[in-house]
Amino acid sequence: MLIPALHCLCAAGSRAHRPEGNGLGPIRIAAKRLLGAIPSLAGVVVVTFLLSHALPGDPAVLFAGPAANADSVAQVRAHLGLDRSLPVQFLGRVFAPKTLSPRSVCAGVT
């Protein structure tokens, strides 16, 4: 008599107490997690941008090469957007990102 009573409790507890829904529970959880990830992602983007500007050295000199003159470095700096203010550079990198390589940068330098 004890075993059938436990079976009824287990069967009743597994299905009877669950609210019947339309299946949006997992979608809501996923949406909340995605919305919660946005501030973290924004923080990573800002910190990465600021750290890239805090590194020693000039990226324009690196891309132009060791034999480049001042005019070539200025052209590379303009091509990379390093002659603009930090907020303008940040917005340009976030909303209009470019894939840069030394070949693509130096191809336009004469």
PDB file of N, CA and C in Angstrom:
ATOM      1  N   MET A   1       0.814  -1.198   0.000  1.00  0.00           N
ATOM      2  CA  MET A   1       0.000   0.000   0.000  1.00  0.00           C
ATOM      3  C   MET A   1       0.850   1.251   0.000  1.00  0.00           C
ATOM      4  N   LEU A   2       2.038   1.179   0.525  1.00  0.00           N
ATOM      5  CA  LEU A   2       2.916   2.329   0.552  1.00  0.00           C
ATOM      6  C   LEU A   2       3.450   2.670  -0.837  1.00  0.00           C
ATOM      7  N   ILE A   3       3.759   1.675  -1.612  1.00  0.00           N
ATOM      8  CA  ILE A   3       4.325   1.918  -2.943  1.00  0.00           C
ATOM      9  C   ILE A   3       3.319   2.585  -3.881  1.00  0.00           C
ATOM     10  N   PRO A   4       2.066   2.143  -3.976  1.00  0.00           N
ATOM     11  CA  PRO A   4       1.123   2.849  -4.855  1.00  0.00           C
ATOM     12  C   PRO A   4       0.890   4.296  -4.420  1.00  0.00           C
ATOM     13  N   ALA A   5       0.937   4.564  -3.125  1.00  0.00           N
ATOM     14  CA  ALA A   5       0.745   5.941  -2.666  1.00  0.00           C
ATOM     15  C   ALA A   5       1.902   6.823  -3.100  1.00  0.00           C
ATOM     16  N   LEU A   6       3.130   6.317  -3.028  1.00  0.00           N
ATOM     17  CA  LEU A   6       4.290   7.082  -3.500  1.00  0.00           C
ATOM     18  C   LEU A   6       4.229   7.308  -5.000  1.00  0.00           C
ATOM     19  N   HIS A   7       3.762   6.291  -5.712  1.00  0.00           N
ATOM     20  CA  HIS A   7       3.655   6.430  -7.162  1.00  0.00           C
ATOM     21  C   HIS A   7       2.660   7.532  -7.526  1.00  0.00           C
ATOM     22  N   CYS A   8       1.568   7.607  -6.814  1.00  0.00           N
ATOM     23  CA  CYS A   8       0.577   8.648  -7.083  1.00  0.00           C
ATOM     24  C   CYS A   8       1.130  10.026  -6.763  1.00  0.00           C
ATOM     25  N   LEU A   9       1.894  10.123  -5.680  1.00  0.00           N
ATOM     26  CA  LEU A   9       2.481  11.413  -5.326  1.00  0.00           C
ATOM     27  C   LEU A   9       3.492  11.865  -6.366  1.00  0.00           C
ATOM     28  N   CYS A  10       4.302  10.921  -6.822  1.00  0.00           N
ATOM     29  CA  CYS A  10       5.323  11.284  -7.812  1.00  0.00           C
ATOM     30  C   CYS A  10       4.685  11.670  -9.131  1.00  0.00           C
ATOM     31  N   ALA A  11       3.700  10.924  -9.551  1.00  0.00           N
ATOM     32  CA  ALA A  11       3.047  11.220 -10.822  1.00  0.00           C
ATOM     33  C   ALA A  11       2.283  12.527 -10.747  1.00  0.00           C
ATOM     34  N   ALA A  12       1.634  12.765  -9.622  1.00  0.00           N
ATOM     35  CA  ALA A  12       0.870  13.998  -9.481  1.00  0.00           C
ATOM     36  C   ALA A  12       1.794  15.202  -9.368  1.00  0.00           C
ATOM     37  N   GLY A  13       2.929  15.016  -8.704  1.00  0.00           N
ATOM     38  CA  GLY A  13       3.845  16.137  -8.520  1.00  0.00           C
ATOM     39  C   GLY A  13       4.605  16.503  -9.779  1.00  0.00           C
ATOM     40  N   SER A  14       4.747  15.568 -10.693  1.00  0.00           N
ATOM     41  CA  SER A  14       5.534  15.864 -11.877  1.00  0.00           C
ATOM     42  C   SER A  14       4.768  16.680 -12.902  1.00  0.00           C
ATOM     43  N   ARG A  15       3.455  16.478 -13.008  1.00  0.00           N
ATOM     44  CA  ARG A  15       2.703  17.176 -14.042  1.00  0.00           C
ATOM     45  C   ARG A  15       1.619  18.110 -13.507  1.00  0.00           C
ATOM     46  N   ALA A  16       1.004  17.741 -12.414  1.00  0.00           N
ATOM     47  CA  ALA A  16      -0.180  18.466 -11.966  1.00  0.00           C
ATOM     48  C   ALA A  16       0.154  19.863 -11.457  1.00  0.00           C
ATOM     49  N   HIS A  17       1.339  20.087 -10.927  1.00  0.00           N
ATOM     50  CA  HIS A  17       1.637  21.384 -10.343  1.00  0.00           C
ATOM     51  C   HIS A  17       2.337  22.323 -11.320  1.00  0.00           C
ATOM     52  N   ARG A  18       2.612  21.864 -12.506  1.00  0.00           N
ATOM     53  CA  ARG A  18       3.225  22.737 -13.502  1.00  0.00           C
ATOM     54  C   ARG A  18       2.150  23.582 -14.170  1.00  0.00           C
ATOM     55  N   PRO A  19       2.359  24.863 -14.280  1.00  0.00           N
ATOM     56  CA  PRO A  19       1.368  25.684 -14.962  1.00  0.00           C
ATOM     57  C   PRO A  19       1.412  25.424 -16.463  1.00  0.00           C
ATOM     58  N   GLU A  20       0.266  25.356 -17.025  1.00  0.00           N
ATOM     59  CA  GLU A  20       0.191  25.177 -18.478  1.00  0.00           C
ATOM     60  C   GLU A  20       0.466  26.529 -19.127  1.00  0.00           C
ATOM     61  N   GLY A  21       1.447  26.565 -19.989  1.00  0.00           N
ATOM     62  CA  GLY A  21       1.803  27.818 -20.649  1.00  0.00           C
ATOM     63  C   GLY A  21       1.863  27.626 -22.148  1.00  0.00           C
ATOM     64  N   ASN A  22       2.245  28.669 -22.807  1.00  0.00           N
ATOM     65  CA  ASN A  22       2.332  28.603 -24.257  1.00  0.00           C
ATOM     66  C   ASN A  22       3.770  28.404 -24.731  1.00  0.00           C
ATOM     67  N   GLY A  23       4.704  28.061 -23.836  1.00  0.00           N
ATOM     68  CA  GLY A  23       6.072  27.768 -24.236  1.00  0.00           C
ATOM     69  C   GLY A  23       6.972  28.981 -24.362  1.00  0.00           C
ATOM     70  N   LEU A  24       6.548  30.137 -23.897  1.00  0.00           N
ATOM     71  CA  LEU A  24       7.372  31.341 -24.005  1.00  0.00           C
ATOM     72  C   LEU A  24       8.370  31.472 -22.871  1.00  0.00           C
ATOM     73  N   GLY A  25       8.340  30.578 -21.911  1.00  0.00           N
ATOM     74  CA  GLY A  25       9.264  30.652 -20.788  1.00  0.00           C
ATOM     75  C   GLY A  25      10.722  30.659 -21.232  1.00  0.00           C
ATOM     76  N   PRO A  26      11.153  29.688 -22.036  1.00  0.00           N
ATOM     77  CA  PRO A  26      12.551  29.686 -22.479  1.00  0.00           C
ATOM     78  C   PRO A  26      12.912  30.878 -23.359  1.00  0.00           C
ATOM     79  N   ILE A  27      11.970  31.352 -24.131  1.00  0.00           N
ATOM     80  CA  ILE A  27      12.237  32.513 -24.983  1.00  0.00           C
ATOM     81  C   ILE A  27      12.434  33.761 -24.125  1.00  0.00           C
ATOM     82  N   ARG A  28      11.623  33.899 -23.097  1.00  0.00           N
ATOM     83  CA  ARG A  28      11.787  35.050 -22.192  1.00  0.00           C
ATOM     84  C   ARG A  28      13.116  34.987 -21.455  1.00  0.00           C
ATOM     85  N   ILE A  29      13.501  33.793 -21.030  1.00  0.00           N
ATOM     86  CA  ILE A  29      14.781  33.643 -20.335  1.00  0.00           C
ATOM     87  C   ILE A  29      15.928  34.004 -21.272  1.00  0.00           C
ATOM     88  N   ALA A  30      15.872  33.520 -22.511  1.00  0.00           N
ATOM     89  CA  ALA A  30      16.928  33.832 -23.481  1.00  0.00           C
ATOM     90  C   ALA A  30      16.975  35.326 -23.781  1.00  0.00           C
ATOM     91  N   ALA A  31      15.821  35.955 -23.896  1.00  0.00           N
ATOM     92  CA  ALA A  31      15.788  37.394 -24.162  1.00  0.00           C
ATOM     93  C   ALA A  31      16.364  38.184 -22.994  1.00  0.00           C
ATOM     94  N   LYS A  32      16.055  37.787 -21.780  1.00  0.00           N
ATOM     95  CA  LYS A  32      16.610  38.472 -20.611  1.00  0.00           C
ATOM     96  C   LYS A  32      18.124  38.323 -20.556  1.00  0.00           C
ATOM     97  N   ARG A  33      18.613  37.142 -20.890  1.00  0.00           N
ATOM     98  CA  ARG A  33      20.066  36.928 -20.873  1.00  0.00           C
ATOM     99  C   ARG A  33      20.754  37.728 -21.967  1.00  0.00           C
ATOM    100  N   LEU A  34      20.145  37.807 -23.132  1.00  0.00           N
ATOM    101  CA  LEU A  34      20.736  38.606 -24.211  1.00  0.00           C
ATOM    102  C   LEU A  34      20.748  40.088 -23.854  1.00  0.00           C
ATOM    103  N   LEU A  35      19.667  40.572 -23.277  1.00  0.00           N
ATOM    104  CA  LEU A  35      19.629  41.974 -22.855  1.00  0.00           C
ATOM    105  C   LEU A  35      20.613  42.241 -21.730  1.00  0.00           C
ATOM    106  N   GLY A  36      20.818  41.271 -20.871  1.00  0.00           N
ATOM    107  CA  GLY A  36      21.800  41.425 -19.799  1.00  0.00           C
ATOM    108  C   GLY A  36      23.231  41.409 -20.294  1.00  0.00           C
ATOM    109  N   ALA A  37      23.472  40.822 -21.457  1.00  0.00           N
ATOM    110  CA  ALA A  37      24.827  40.753 -22.018  1.00  0.00           C
ATOM    111  C   ALA A  37      25.226  42.044 -22.726  1.00  0.00           C
ATOM    112  N   ILE A  38      24.277  42.881 -23.079  1.00  0.00           N
ATOM    113  CA  ILE A  38      24.583  44.111 -23.826  1.00  0.00           C
ATOM    114  C   ILE A  38      25.492  45.046 -23.030  1.00  0.00           C
ATOM    115  N   PRO A  39      25.240  45.326 -21.754  1.00  0.00           N
ATOM    116  CA  PRO A  39      26.174  46.193 -21.023  1.00  0.00           C
ATOM    117  C   PRO A  39      27.581  45.610 -20.913  1.00  0.00           C
ATOM    118  N   SER A  40      27.680  44.307 -20.756  1.00  0.00           N
ATOM    119  CA  SER A  40      29.004  43.678 -20.690  1.00  0.00           C
ATOM    120  C   SER A  40      29.736  43.814 -22.010  1.00  0.00           C
ATOM    121  N   LEU A  41      29.041  43.586 -23.097  1.00  0.00           N
ATOM    122  CA  LEU A  41      29.646  43.717 -24.418  1.00  0.00           C
ATOM    123  C   LEU A  41      30.079  45.155 -24.686  1.00  0.00           C
ATOM    124  N   ALA A  42      29.261  46.115 -24.307  1.00  0.00           N
ATOM    125  CA  ALA A  42      29.626  47.521 -24.485  1.00  0.00           C
ATOM    126  C   ALA A  42      30.857  47.868 -23.650  1.00  0.00           C
ATOM    127  N   GLY A  43      30.925  47.351 -22.450  1.00  0.00           N
ATOM    128  CA  GLY A  43      32.100  47.597 -21.611  1.00  0.00           C
ATOM    129  C   GLY A  43      33.362  47.015 -22.209  1.00  0.00           C
ATOM    130  N   VAL A  44      33.276  45.817 -22.766  1.00  0.00           N
ATOM    131  CA  VAL A  44      34.441  45.196 -23.400  1.00  0.00           C
ATOM    132  C   VAL A  44      34.896  46.008 -24.603  1.00  0.00           C
ATOM    133  N   VAL A  45      33.962  46.507 -25.397  1.00  0.00           N
ATOM    134  CA  VAL A  45      34.315  47.312 -26.577  1.00  0.00           C
ATOM    135  C   VAL A  45      35.016  48.594 -26.157  1.00  0.00           C
ATOM    136  N   VAL A  46      34.485  49.285 -25.152  1.00  0.00           N
ATOM    137  CA  VAL A  46      35.094  50.542 -24.699  1.00  0.00           C
ATOM    138  C   VAL A  46      36.477  50.302 -24.108  1.00  0.00           C
ATOM    139  N   VAL A  47      36.614  49.299 -23.256  1.00  0.00           N
ATOM    140  CA  VAL A  47      37.910  49.023 -22.634  1.00  0.00           C
ATOM    141  C   VAL A  47      38.937  48.617 -23.685  1.00  0.00           C
ATOM    142  N   THR A  48      38.548  47.810 -24.656  1.00  0.00           N
ATOM    143  CA  THR A  48      39.471  47.405 -25.716  1.00  0.00           C
ATOM    144  C   THR A  48      39.919  48.606 -26.534  1.00  0.00           C
ATOM    145  N   PHE A  49      39.001  49.502 -26.866  1.00  0.00           N
ATOM    146  CA  PHE A  49      39.362  50.695 -27.628  1.00  0.00           C
ATOM    147  C   PHE A  49      40.338  51.567 -26.834  1.00  0.00           C
ATOM    148  N   LEU A  50      40.038  51.786 -25.559  1.00  0.00           N
ATOM    149  CA  LEU A  50      40.915  52.637 -24.751  1.00  0.00           C
ATOM    150  C   LEU A  50      42.288  51.990 -24.531  1.00  0.00           C
ATOM    151  N   LEU A  51      42.324  50.686 -24.350  1.00  0.00           N
ATOM    152  CA  LEU A  51      43.615  50.017 -24.184  1.00  0.00           C
ATOM    153  C   LEU A  51      44.442  50.054 -25.471  1.00  0.00           C
ATOM    154  N   SER A  52      43.778  49.976 -26.611  1.00  0.00           N
ATOM    155  CA  SER A  52      44.531  50.053 -27.869  1.00  0.00           C
ATOM    156  C   SER A  52      45.162  51.423 -28.055  1.00  0.00           C
ATOM    157  N   HIS A  53      44.570  52.456 -27.491  1.00  0.00           N
ATOM    158  CA  HIS A  53      45.152  53.800 -27.584  1.00  0.00           C
ATOM    159  C   HIS A  53      46.153  54.070 -26.463  1.00  0.00           C
ATOM    160  N   ALA A  54      46.132  53.243 -25.431  1.00  0.00           N
ATOM    161  CA  ALA A  54      47.070  53.443 -24.322  1.00  0.00           C
ATOM    162  C   ALA A  54      48.406  52.741 -24.565  1.00  0.00           C
ATOM    163  N   LEU A  55      48.453  51.870 -25.562  1.00  0.00           N
ATOM    164  CA  LEU A  55      49.697  51.162 -25.848  1.00  0.00           C
ATOM    165  C   LEU A  55      50.759  52.128 -26.354  1.00  0.00           C
ATOM    166  N   PRO A  56      52.015  51.877 -26.015  1.00  0.00           N
ATOM    167  CA  PRO A  56      53.078  52.771 -26.490  1.00  0.00           C
ATOM    168  C   PRO A  56      53.308  52.593 -27.989  1.00  0.00           C
ATOM    169  N   GLY A  57      53.730  53.653 -28.613  1.00  0.00           N
ATOM    170  CA  GLY A  57      54.019  53.611 -30.043  1.00  0.00           C
ATOM    171  C   GLY A  57      52.880  54.175 -30.864  1.00  0.00           C
ATOM    172  N   ASP A  58      53.191  54.468 -32.094  1.00  0.00           N
ATOM    173  CA  ASP A  58      52.219  55.042 -33.023  1.00  0.00           C
ATOM    174  C   ASP A  58      51.842  53.978 -34.048  1.00  0.00           C
ATOM    175  N   PRO A  59      50.573  53.615 -34.144  1.00  0.00           N
ATOM    176  CA  PRO A  59      50.175  52.605 -35.130  1.00  0.00           C
ATOM    177  C   PRO A  59      50.470  53.041 -36.563  1.00  0.00           C
ATOM    178  N   ALA A  60      50.431  54.339 -36.829  1.00  0.00           N
ATOM    179  CA  ALA A  60      50.713  54.819 -38.188  1.00  0.00           C
ATOM    180  C   ALA A  60      52.160  54.529 -38.570  1.00  0.00           C
ATOM    181  N   VAL A  61      53.083  54.692 -37.635  1.00  0.00           N
ATOM    182  CA  VAL A  61      54.495  54.398 -37.910  1.00  0.00           C
ATOM    183  C   VAL A  61      54.666  52.890 -38.123  1.00  0.00           C
ATOM    184  N   LEU A  62      53.940  52.090 -37.352  1.00  0.00           N
ATOM    185  CA  LEU A  62      54.022  50.641 -37.503  1.00  0.00           C
ATOM    186  C   LEU A  62      53.528  50.209 -38.881  1.00  0.00           C
ATOM    187  N   PHE A  63      52.387  50.740 -39.310  1.00  0.00           N
ATOM    188  CA  PHE A  63      51.839  50.373 -40.607  1.00  0.00           C
ATOM    189  C   PHE A  63      52.656  50.942 -41.760  1.00  0.00           C
ATOM    190  N   ALA A  64      53.213  52.132 -41.600  1.00  0.00           N
ATOM    191  CA  ALA A  64      53.974  52.755 -42.681  1.00  0.00           C
ATOM    192  C   ALA A  64      55.318  52.073 -42.893  1.00  0.00           C
ATOM    193  N   GLY A  65      55.872  51.507 -41.850  1.00  0.00           N
ATOM    194  CA  GLY A  65      57.143  50.808 -41.979  1.00  0.00           C
ATOM    195  C   GLY A  65      58.302  51.650 -41.503  1.00  0.00           C
ATOM    196  N   PRO A  66      59.444  51.027 -41.307  1.00  0.00           N
ATOM    197  CA  PRO A  66      60.591  51.741 -40.744  1.00  0.00           C
ATOM    198  C   PRO A  66      61.232  52.747 -41.705  1.00  0.00           C
ATOM    199  N   ALA A  67      61.063  52.568 -43.004  1.00  0.00           N
ATOM    200  CA  ALA A  67      61.695  53.466 -43.971  1.00  0.00           C
ATOM    201  C   ALA A  67      60.763  54.591 -44.412  1.00  0.00           C
ATOM    202  N   ALA A  68      59.627  54.763 -43.767  1.00  0.00           N
ATOM    203  CA  ALA A  68      58.647  55.770 -44.190  1.00  0.00           C
ATOM    204  C   ALA A  68      59.067  57.153 -43.729  1.00  0.00           C
ATOM    205  N   ASN A  69      58.763  58.135 -44.557  1.00  0.00           N
ATOM    206  CA  ASN A  69      59.029  59.524 -44.178  1.00  0.00           C
ATOM    207  C   ASN A  69      57.805  60.105 -43.481  1.00  0.00           C
ATOM    208  N   ALA A  70      57.905  61.357 -43.063  1.00  0.00           N
ATOM    209  CA  ALA A  70      56.827  61.996 -42.297  1.00  0.00           C
ATOM    210  C   ALA A  70      55.548  62.124 -43.111  1.00  0.00           C
ATOM    211  N   ASP A  71      55.675  62.360 -44.424  1.00  0.00           N
ATOM    212  CA  ASP A  71      54.471  62.477 -45.262  1.00  0.00           C
ATOM    213  C   ASP A  71      53.725  61.142 -45.366  1.00  0.00           C
ATOM    214  N   SER A  72      54.474  60.063 -45.502  1.00  0.00           N
ATOM    215  CA  SER A  72      53.845  58.741 -45.576  1.00  0.00           C
ATOM    216  C   SER A  72      53.145  58.402 -44.266  1.00  0.00           C
ATOM    217  N   VAL A  73      53.781  58.711 -43.146  1.00  0.00           N
ATOM    218  CA  VAL A  73      53.164  58.456 -41.840  1.00  0.00           C
ATOM    219  C   VAL A  73      51.898  59.290 -41.681  1.00  0.00           C
ATOM    220  N   ALA A  74      51.917  60.533 -42.156  1.00  0.00           N
ATOM    221  CA  ALA A  74      50.724  61.391 -42.083  1.00  0.00           C
ATOM    222  C   ALA A  74      49.602  60.838 -42.949  1.00  0.00           C
ATOM    223  N   GLN A  75      49.943  60.298 -44.118  1.00  0.00           N
ATOM    224  CA  GLN A  75      48.917  59.702 -44.977  1.00  0.00           C
ATOM    225  C   GLN A  75      48.305  58.469 -44.324  1.00  0.00           C
ATOM    226  N   VAL A  76      49.141  57.642 -43.727  1.00  0.00           N
ATOM    227  CA  VAL A  76      48.639  56.450 -43.050  1.00  0.00           C
ATOM    228  C   VAL A  76      47.775  56.848 -41.857  1.00  0.00           C
ATOM    229  N   ARG A  77      48.202  57.866 -41.121  1.00  0.00           N
ATOM    230  CA  ARG A  77      47.426  58.341 -39.969  1.00  0.00           C
ATOM    231  C   ARG A  77      46.050  58.837 -40.423  1.00  0.00           C
ATOM    232  N   ALA A  78      46.005  59.539 -41.545  1.00  0.00           N
ATOM    233  CA  ALA A  78      44.724  60.018 -42.065  1.00  0.00           C
ATOM    234  C   ALA A  78      43.866  58.850 -42.553  1.00  0.00           C
ATOM    235  N   HIS A  79      44.495  57.861 -43.204  1.00  0.00           N
ATOM    236  CA  HIS A  79      43.754  56.702 -43.698  1.00  0.00           C
ATOM    237  C   HIS A  79      43.162  55.897 -42.541  1.00  0.00           C
ATOM    238  N   LEU A  80      43.892  55.764 -41.456  1.00  0.00           N
ATOM    239  CA  LEU A  80      43.402  55.036 -40.281  1.00  0.00           C
ATOM    240  C   LEU A  80      42.439  55.849 -39.432  1.00  0.00           C
ATOM    241  N   GLY A  81      42.368  57.146 -39.668  1.00  0.00           N
ATOM    242  CA  GLY A  81      41.495  58.003 -38.869  1.00  0.00           C
ATOM    243  C   GLY A  81      42.107  58.416 -37.555  1.00  0.00           C
ATOM    244  N   LEU A  82      43.434  58.260 -37.417  1.00  0.00           N
ATOM    245  CA  LEU A  82      44.097  58.600 -36.155  1.00  0.00           C
ATOM    246  C   LEU A  82      44.283  60.099 -35.977  1.00  0.00           C
ATOM    247  N   ASP A  83      43.969  60.874 -36.996  1.00  0.00           N
ATOM    248  CA  ASP A  83      44.073  62.324 -36.885  1.00  0.00           C
ATOM    249  C   ASP A  83      42.787  62.945 -36.332  1.00  0.00           C
ATOM    250  N   ARG A  84      41.793  62.128 -36.046  1.00  0.00           N
ATOM    251  CA  ARG A  84      40.517  62.616 -35.496  1.00  0.00           C
ATOM    252  C   ARG A  84      40.526  62.488 -33.977  1.00  0.00           C
ATOM    253  N   SER A  85      39.523  63.094 -33.345  1.00  0.00           N
ATOM    254  CA  SER A  85      39.423  63.007 -31.883  1.00  0.00           C
ATOM    255  C   SER A  85      39.018  61.584 -31.468  1.00  0.00           C
ATOM    256  N   LEU A  86      39.253  61.237 -30.202  1.00  0.00           N
ATOM    257  CA  LEU A  86      38.946  59.890 -29.716  1.00  0.00           C
ATOM    258  C   LEU A  86      37.465  59.524 -29.841  1.00  0.00           C
ATOM    259  N   PRO A  87      36.533  60.417 -29.496  1.00  0.00           N
ATOM    260  CA  PRO A  87      35.124  60.030 -29.671  1.00  0.00           C
ATOM    261  C   PRO A  87      34.756  59.754 -31.127  1.00  0.00           C
ATOM    262  N   VAL A  88      35.293  60.526 -32.045  1.00  0.00           N
ATOM    263  CA  VAL A  88      35.004  60.310 -33.463  1.00  0.00           C
ATOM    264  C   VAL A  88      35.624  58.991 -33.924  1.00  0.00           C
ATOM    265  N   GLN A  89      36.839  58.703 -33.460  1.00  0.00           N
ATOM    266  CA  GLN A  89      37.479  57.428 -33.792  1.00  0.00           C
ATOM    267  C   GLN A  89      36.670  56.256 -33.247  1.00  0.00           C
ATOM    268  N   PHE A  90      36.212  56.394 -32.006  1.00  0.00           N
ATOM    269  CA  PHE A  90      35.441  55.318 -31.389  1.00  0.00           C
ATOM    270  C   PHE A  90      34.153  55.057 -32.162  1.00  0.00           C
ATOM    271  N   LEU A  91      33.414  56.107 -32.478  1.00  0.00           N
ATOM    272  CA  LEU A  91      32.164  55.935 -33.224  1.00  0.00           C
ATOM    273  C   LEU A  91      32.421  55.360 -34.608  1.00  0.00           C
ATOM    274  N   GLY A  92      33.530  55.776 -35.224  1.00  0.00           N
ATOM    275  CA  GLY A  92      33.877  55.224 -36.524  1.00  0.00           C
ATOM    276  C   GLY A  92      34.222  53.749 -36.454  1.00  0.00           C
ATOM    277  N   ARG A  93      34.898  53.335 -35.399  1.00  0.00           N
ATOM    278  CA  ARG A  93      35.260  51.919 -35.260  1.00  0.00           C
ATOM    279  C   ARG A  93      34.050  51.063 -34.920  1.00  0.00           C
ATOM    280  N   VAL A  94      33.123  51.606 -34.163  1.00  0.00           N
ATOM    281  CA  VAL A  94      31.962  50.816 -33.758  1.00  0.00           C
ATOM    282  C   VAL A  94      30.937  50.718 -34.885  1.00  0.00           C
ATOM    283  N   PHE A  95      30.644  51.825 -35.536  1.00  0.00           N
ATOM    284  CA  PHE A  95      29.563  51.848 -36.523  1.00  0.00           C
ATOM    285  C   PHE A  95      30.026  51.659 -37.959  1.00  0.00           C
ATOM    286  N   ALA A  96      31.303  51.826 -38.245  1.00  0.00           N
ATOM    287  CA  ALA A  96      31.816  51.614 -39.601  1.00  0.00           C
ATOM    288  C   ALA A  96      33.166  50.913 -39.515  1.00  0.00           C
ATOM    289  N   PRO A  97      33.186  49.688 -39.006  1.00  0.00           N
ATOM    290  CA  PRO A  97      34.480  49.008 -38.839  1.00  0.00           C
ATOM    291  C   PRO A  97      35.089  48.616 -40.182  1.00  0.00           C
ATOM    292  N   LYS A  98      36.404  48.683 -40.229  1.00  0.00           N
ATOM    293  CA  LYS A  98      37.152  48.270 -41.410  1.00  0.00           C
ATOM    294  C   LYS A  98      38.114  47.171 -40.984  1.00  0.00           C
ATOM    295  N   THR A  99      38.381  46.271 -41.892  1.00  0.00           N
ATOM    296  CA  THR A  99      39.424  45.292 -41.663  1.00  0.00           C
ATOM    297  C   THR A  99      40.692  45.853 -42.273  1.00  0.00           C
ATOM    298  N   LEU A 100      41.689  46.077 -41.435  1.00  0.00           N
ATOM    299  CA  LEU A 100      42.918  46.703 -41.897  1.00  0.00           C
ATOM    300  C   LEU A 100      44.067  45.714 -41.830  1.00  0.00           C
ATOM    301  N   SER A 101      44.871  45.777 -42.830  1.00  0.00           N
ATOM    302  CA  SER A 101      46.121  45.041 -42.841  1.00  0.00           C
ATOM    303  C   SER A 101      47.191  46.004 -43.334  1.00  0.00           C
ATOM    304  N   PRO A 102      48.446  45.746 -43.063  1.00  0.00           N
ATOM    305  CA  PRO A 102      49.489  46.647 -43.556  1.00  0.00           C
ATOM    306  C   PRO A 102      49.449  46.822 -45.071  1.00  0.00           C
ATOM    307  N   ARG A 103      49.076  45.794 -45.811  1.00  0.00           N
ATOM    308  CA  ARG A 103      49.003  45.914 -47.272  1.00  0.00           C
ATOM    309  C   ARG A 103      47.893  46.854 -47.695  1.00  0.00           C
ATOM    310  N   SER A 104      46.712  46.747 -47.053  1.00  0.00           N
ATOM    311  CA  SER A 104      45.593  47.614 -47.441  1.00  0.00           C
ATOM    312  C   SER A 104      45.853  49.064 -47.075  1.00  0.00           C
ATOM    313  N   VAL A 105      46.566  49.301 -45.977  1.00  0.00           N
ATOM    314  CA  VAL A 105      46.857  50.665 -45.556  1.00  0.00           C
ATOM    315  C   VAL A 105      47.933  51.262 -46.442  1.00  0.00           C
ATOM    316  N   CYS A 106      48.979  50.495 -46.705  1.00  0.00           N
ATOM    317  CA  CYS A 106      50.118  51.020 -47.460  1.00  0.00           C
ATOM    318  C   CYS A 106      49.851  51.055 -48.950  1.00  0.00           C
ATOM    319  N   ALA A 107      48.794  50.427 -49.438  1.00  0.00           N
ATOM    320  CA  ALA A 107      48.498  50.443 -50.867  1.00  0.00           C
ATOM    321  C   ALA A 107      48.118  51.850 -51.324  1.00  0.00           C
ATOM    322  N   GLY A 108      47.502  52.631 -50.462  1.00  0.00           N
ATOM    323  CA  GLY A 108      47.102  53.985 -50.830  1.00  0.00           C
ATOM    324  C   GLY A 108      48.164  55.027 -50.570  1.00  0.00           C
ATOM    325  N   VAL A 109      49.275  54.646 -49.938  1.00  0.00           N
ATOM    326  CA  VAL A 109      50.336  55.599 -49.613  1.00  0.00           C
ATOM    327  C   VAL A 109      51.309  55.678 -50.774  1.00  0.00           C
ATOM    328  N   THR A 110      51.601  56.903 -51.182  1.00  0.00           N
ATOM    329  CA  THR A 110      52.531  57.072 -52.315  1.00  0.00           C
ATOM    330  C   THR A 110      53.855  57.604 -51.820  1.00  0.00           C
TER     331      THR A 110
END
